[in-house]
Amino acid sequence: MLRRLARIPAGGPAAIAGLVLGALLAFVVIAAPQGPSLTEVQRLQIQNLTQRLELAQLRAQAAQHDFDEARAALTTLLKSLEVDGYDLDVGTLTYRKKPDPPKGP
């Protein structure tokens, strides 16, 4: 037996192990009971809902991007409209005089 093993070329053990592993996997796949399968309609429903979910996520990301851009533009505009001594009331779109700071003792 040892003489036979000694005659196996260097790549032989790996090839033999690969064949044994392949045969074992083939046996497991053939012997394993097949689980229930989906109908074509069920597969299409899953694909459809998955795509709807992806589209909704992309729309939400686009809306967040638009929101961030609008907020940045508003912030820039409000900074450019600042007037010393006045606050801009965004609700009424009017300037209001800032209250005088309290005088300390």
Protein backbone atom coordinates (compact mmCIF):
# COMPACT_ATOMS: atom_id res chain seq x y z
CA MET A 1 0.00 0.00 0.00
CA LEU A 2 2.80 2.42 0.87
CA ARG A 3 4.51 1.59 -2.42
CA ARG A 4 1.39 2.54 -4.32
CA LEU A 5 1.11 5.87 -2.47
CA ALA A 6 4.77 6.57 -3.17
CA ARG A 7 4.09 6.23 -6.91
CA ILE A 8 1.29 8.84 -6.95
CA PRO A 9 2.55 12.02 -8.67
CA ALA A 10 2.80 15.25 -6.64
CA GLY A 11 -0.53 16.64 -7.91
CA GLY A 12 -2.18 13.26 -7.50
CA PRO A 13 -3.34 13.52 -3.88
CA ALA A 14 -5.00 16.88 -4.58
CA ALA A 15 -6.67 15.49 -7.70
CA ILE A 16 -7.88 12.43 -5.82
CA ALA A 17 -9.15 14.56 -2.95
CA GLY A 18 -10.95 16.78 -5.46
CA LEU A 19 -12.62 13.77 -7.07
CA VAL A 20 -13.68 12.37 -3.71
CA LEU A 21 -15.03 15.74 -2.59
CA GLY A 22 -16.86 16.21 -5.89
CA ALA A 23 -18.43 12.76 -5.66
CA LEU A 24 -19.45 13.42 -2.05
CA LEU A 25 -21.06 16.75 -2.96
CA ALA A 26 -22.87 15.16 -5.90
CA PHE A 27 -24.21 12.45 -3.59
CA VAL A 28 -25.36 15.00 -1.03
CA VAL A 29 -27.14 17.07 -3.69
CA ILE A 30 -28.80 14.02 -5.22
CA ALA A 31 -29.67 12.45 -1.87
CA ALA A 32 -30.86 15.67 -0.25
CA PRO A 33 -34.63 16.07 -0.36
CA GLN A 34 -35.77 18.99 -2.48
CA GLY A 35 -37.63 21.66 -0.52
CA PRO A 36 -40.81 23.29 -1.72
CA SER A 37 -40.44 25.49 -4.77
CA LEU A 38 -41.98 28.83 -5.64
CA THR A 39 -44.41 29.25 -8.47
CA GLU A 40 -43.51 31.58 -11.31
CA VAL A 41 -46.13 34.04 -10.02
CA GLN A 42 -44.59 33.98 -6.52
CA ARG A 43 -41.10 34.56 -7.97
CA LEU A 44 -42.38 37.48 -10.03
CA GLN A 45 -44.20 38.93 -7.01
CA ILE A 46 -40.99 38.82 -4.96
CA GLN A 47 -38.99 40.42 -7.77
CA ASN A 48 -41.67 43.09 -8.28
CA LEU A 49 -41.86 44.00 -4.59
CA THR A 50 -38.07 44.01 -4.27
CA GLN A 51 -37.79 46.41 -7.21
CA ARG A 52 -40.56 48.60 -5.78
CA LEU A 53 -38.66 48.74 -2.50
CA GLU A 54 -35.43 49.71 -4.29
CA LEU A 55 -37.23 52.43 -6.27
CA ALA A 56 -38.84 53.82 -3.13
CA GLN A 57 -35.44 53.92 -1.44
CA LEU A 58 -33.92 55.77 -4.41
CA ARG A 59 -36.82 58.27 -4.39
CA ALA A 60 -36.30 58.84 -0.67
CA GLN A 61 -32.59 59.45 -1.23
CA ALA A 62 -33.38 61.90 -4.06
CA ALA A 63 -35.90 63.71 -1.85
CA GLN A 64 -33.34 63.94 0.97
CA HIS A 65 -30.81 65.37 -1.50
CA ASP A 66 -33.35 67.97 -2.70
CA PHE A 67 -34.20 68.85 0.91
CA ASP A 68 -30.52 69.32 1.81
CA GLU A 69 -29.94 71.54 -1.24
CA ALA A 70 -32.99 73.70 -0.48
CA ARG A 71 -31.96 74.06 3.19
CA ALA A 72 -28.42 75.08 2.19
CA ALA A 73 -29.76 77.62 -0.33
CA LEU A 74 -32.13 79.09 2.27
CA THR A 75 -29.34 79.33 4.84
CA THR A 76 -27.11 81.13 2.34
CA LEU A 77 -29.90 83.54 1.40
CA LEU A 78 -30.79 84.29 5.02
CA LYS A 79 -27.14 85.02 5.84
CA SER A 80 -26.95 87.42 2.91
CA LEU A 81 -30.05 89.24 4.18
CA GLU A 82 -28.72 89.81 7.73
CA VAL A 83 -28.85 93.44 8.84
CA ASP A 84 -27.01 94.71 11.93
CA GLY A 85 -29.41 95.40 14.77
CA TYR A 86 -32.29 93.48 13.17
CA ASP A 87 -33.57 89.94 13.08
CA LEU A 88 -35.38 88.64 10.03
CA ASP A 89 -38.65 86.98 11.04
CA VAL A 90 -39.02 84.19 8.49
CA GLY A 91 -42.66 83.61 9.47
CA THR A 92 -43.76 87.16 8.60
CA LEU A 93 -40.84 87.99 6.28
CA THR A 94 -40.18 91.24 8.12
CA TYR A 95 -37.25 92.67 10.01
CA ARG A 96 -37.63 93.23 13.74
CA LYS A 97 -35.34 95.36 15.79
CA LYS A 98 -33.16 93.31 18.11
CA PRO A 99 -33.81 94.02 21.80
CA ASP A 100 -31.12 96.05 23.50
CA PRO A 101 -28.78 93.92 25.57
CA PRO A 102 -29.34 94.25 29.32
CA LYS A 103 -27.01 96.72 30.97
CA GLY A 104 -24.97 95.30 33.81
CA PRO A 105 -24.33 97.02 37.16
